[in-house]
Protein backbone atom coordinates (compact mmCIF):
# COMPACT_ATOMS: atom_id res chain seq x y z
CA MET A 1 -126.74 76.93 -93.60
CA ASP A 2 -125.59 80.48 -94.09
CA ILE A 3 -123.71 82.91 -91.87
CA GLU A 4 -126.83 84.82 -90.81
CA GLU A 5 -128.61 81.66 -89.65
CA LEU A 6 -125.61 80.51 -87.62
CA LEU A 7 -124.95 83.97 -86.20
CA GLN A 8 -128.53 84.09 -84.92
CA ILE A 9 -128.05 80.72 -83.20
CA GLU A 10 -124.72 81.87 -81.74
CA ILE A 11 -126.26 85.14 -80.51
CA HIS A 12 -129.09 83.18 -78.89
CA GLY A 13 -126.49 81.05 -77.12
CA TRP A 14 -124.56 84.08 -75.87
CA GLN A 15 -127.76 85.77 -74.71
CA SER A 16 -128.59 82.63 -72.72
CA LEU A 17 -125.18 82.85 -71.05
CA CYS A 18 -126.06 86.42 -70.05
CA ASP A 19 -129.58 85.68 -68.75
CA GLY A 20 -128.84 82.40 -66.95
CA SER A 21 -130.70 80.06 -69.32
CA GLY A 22 -127.52 78.59 -70.86
CA ALA A 23 -127.99 75.09 -69.45
CA GLN A 24 -131.38 74.75 -71.14
CA VAL A 25 -130.32 76.39 -74.40
CA TYR A 26 -127.13 74.36 -74.84
CA GLY A 27 -128.80 71.17 -73.63
CA ASP A 28 -131.28 71.59 -76.48
CA LEU A 29 -128.75 72.88 -79.03
CA MET A 30 -125.92 70.35 -78.70
CA THR A 31 -125.89 66.99 -80.42
CA ALA A 32 -126.07 63.99 -78.06
CA ASP A 33 -122.35 63.33 -78.59
CA GLY A 34 -121.37 67.01 -78.84
CA VAL A 35 -118.39 68.47 -76.99
CA MET A 36 -117.04 71.83 -75.93
CA ILE A 37 -113.28 72.34 -75.89
CA LEU A 38 -112.52 75.27 -73.61
CA ALA A 39 -109.58 77.67 -73.53
CA ASN A 40 -108.28 76.03 -70.34
CA GLY A 41 -107.88 72.73 -72.22
CA SER A 42 -110.87 70.92 -70.75
CA VAL A 43 -113.19 68.90 -72.97
CA MET A 44 -116.78 68.75 -71.80
CA THR A 45 -119.56 66.46 -72.96
CA ARG A 46 -123.10 67.77 -73.51
CA HIS A 47 -124.08 66.46 -70.06
CA GLN A 48 -121.11 68.20 -68.42
CA VAL A 49 -121.87 71.45 -70.27
CA VAL A 50 -125.45 71.42 -68.99
CA GLU A 51 -124.34 70.73 -65.40
CA THR A 52 -121.63 73.40 -65.51
CA LEU A 53 -123.82 76.08 -67.06
CA ALA A 54 -126.56 75.47 -64.50
CA ALA A 55 -124.17 76.68 -61.79
CA ALA A 56 -122.10 79.19 -63.79
CA PRO A 57 -122.17 82.95 -63.16
CA VAL A 58 -123.76 84.90 -65.99
CA TRP A 59 -121.88 87.14 -68.40
CA ASP A 60 -122.72 90.84 -68.38
CA ASP A 61 -122.13 91.38 -72.08
CA TYR A 62 -120.46 89.92 -75.15
CA ARG A 63 -119.35 90.81 -78.65
CA ILE A 64 -118.99 88.64 -81.73
CA GLU A 65 -116.31 90.11 -84.00
CA GLU A 66 -115.06 89.16 -87.47
CA PRO A 67 -117.45 86.24 -88.03
CA ARG A 68 -116.88 83.99 -91.00
CA LEU A 69 -118.40 80.78 -92.24
CA ILE A 70 -116.59 77.70 -93.46
CA GLN A 71 -118.88 75.27 -95.33
CA ILE A 72 -117.93 71.66 -94.67
CA GLY A 73 -120.69 70.14 -96.78
CA ALA A 74 -124.38 70.45 -97.51
CA ASP A 75 -125.32 69.81 -93.87
CA ALA A 76 -122.32 71.05 -91.91
CA ALA A 77 -120.53 74.36 -91.38
CA VAL A 78 -118.20 76.06 -88.93
CA LEU A 79 -118.78 79.58 -87.63
CA VAL A 80 -115.44 81.14 -86.66
CA TYR A 81 -115.19 84.45 -84.79
CA ARG A 82 -113.46 86.44 -82.07
CA GLY A 83 -115.57 86.47 -78.94
CA VAL A 84 -115.17 89.03 -76.18
CA ALA A 85 -117.20 88.69 -73.01
CA SER A 86 -117.11 90.32 -69.60
CA ARG A 87 -118.62 89.89 -66.19
CA THR A 88 -118.41 92.03 -63.11
CA ALA A 89 -116.50 89.43 -61.08
CA ASP A 90 -113.63 89.25 -63.60
CA ALA A 91 -110.93 91.92 -63.75
CA GLU A 92 -110.43 91.56 -67.50
CA PRO A 93 -112.78 90.58 -70.32
CA PHE A 94 -112.44 87.05 -71.70
CA GLU A 95 -111.27 87.08 -75.31
CA ALA A 96 -110.82 84.06 -77.57
CA MET A 97 -111.10 82.81 -81.09
CA MET A 98 -114.14 80.57 -81.23
CA ALA A 99 -115.27 77.90 -83.65
CA SER A 100 -118.75 76.39 -83.56
CA THR A 101 -119.35 73.39 -85.80
CA TYR A 102 -123.01 72.99 -86.70
CA LEU A 103 -124.83 70.08 -88.32
CA ARG A 104 -128.25 70.17 -89.95
CA THR A 105 -130.17 67.19 -88.53
CA ALA A 106 -133.73 65.88 -88.70
CA HIS A 107 -134.30 67.94 -85.52
CA GLY A 108 -132.88 71.18 -86.89
CA VAL A 109 -129.44 72.76 -86.70
CA ARG A 110 -127.39 71.38 -83.79
CA LEU A 111 -124.01 72.24 -82.28
CA ALA A 112 -121.58 69.32 -82.57
CA VAL A 113 -118.27 70.89 -81.51
CA TYR A 114 -117.42 74.22 -79.94
CA GLN A 115 -113.80 75.26 -79.37
CA GLN A 116 -112.18 78.28 -77.75
CA THR A 117 -108.57 79.35 -78.23
CA SER A 118 -107.53 82.16 -75.90
CA THR A 119 -106.00 85.25 -77.45
CA GLN A 120 -104.88 86.53 -74.06
CA HIS A 121 -101.27 86.10 -72.99
């Protein structure tokens, strides 16, 4: 896995959050036991992520800033970046440091853990 491959997957995920297809995309992308750890402290299973995204409002736009890759092994890596996203209903953009841990599996690259840490005070 290299940074370009994982950035393309991450961009695809963000685009799905903007066009309303996030539930399908993340349902396919996450490992069966994958989790998302959100800035509000909640931990969501793959099933919970799919249910939540099916009803979530879409984002209007997003930016991925300062991406970097941390290799964990031959079949695992973490993509770390600052994410900034906005939607009309929110007064301020959402900004957080994000870490997506990917595994290469027999079924392709899958998201095992995603974590947000808010940079807003």
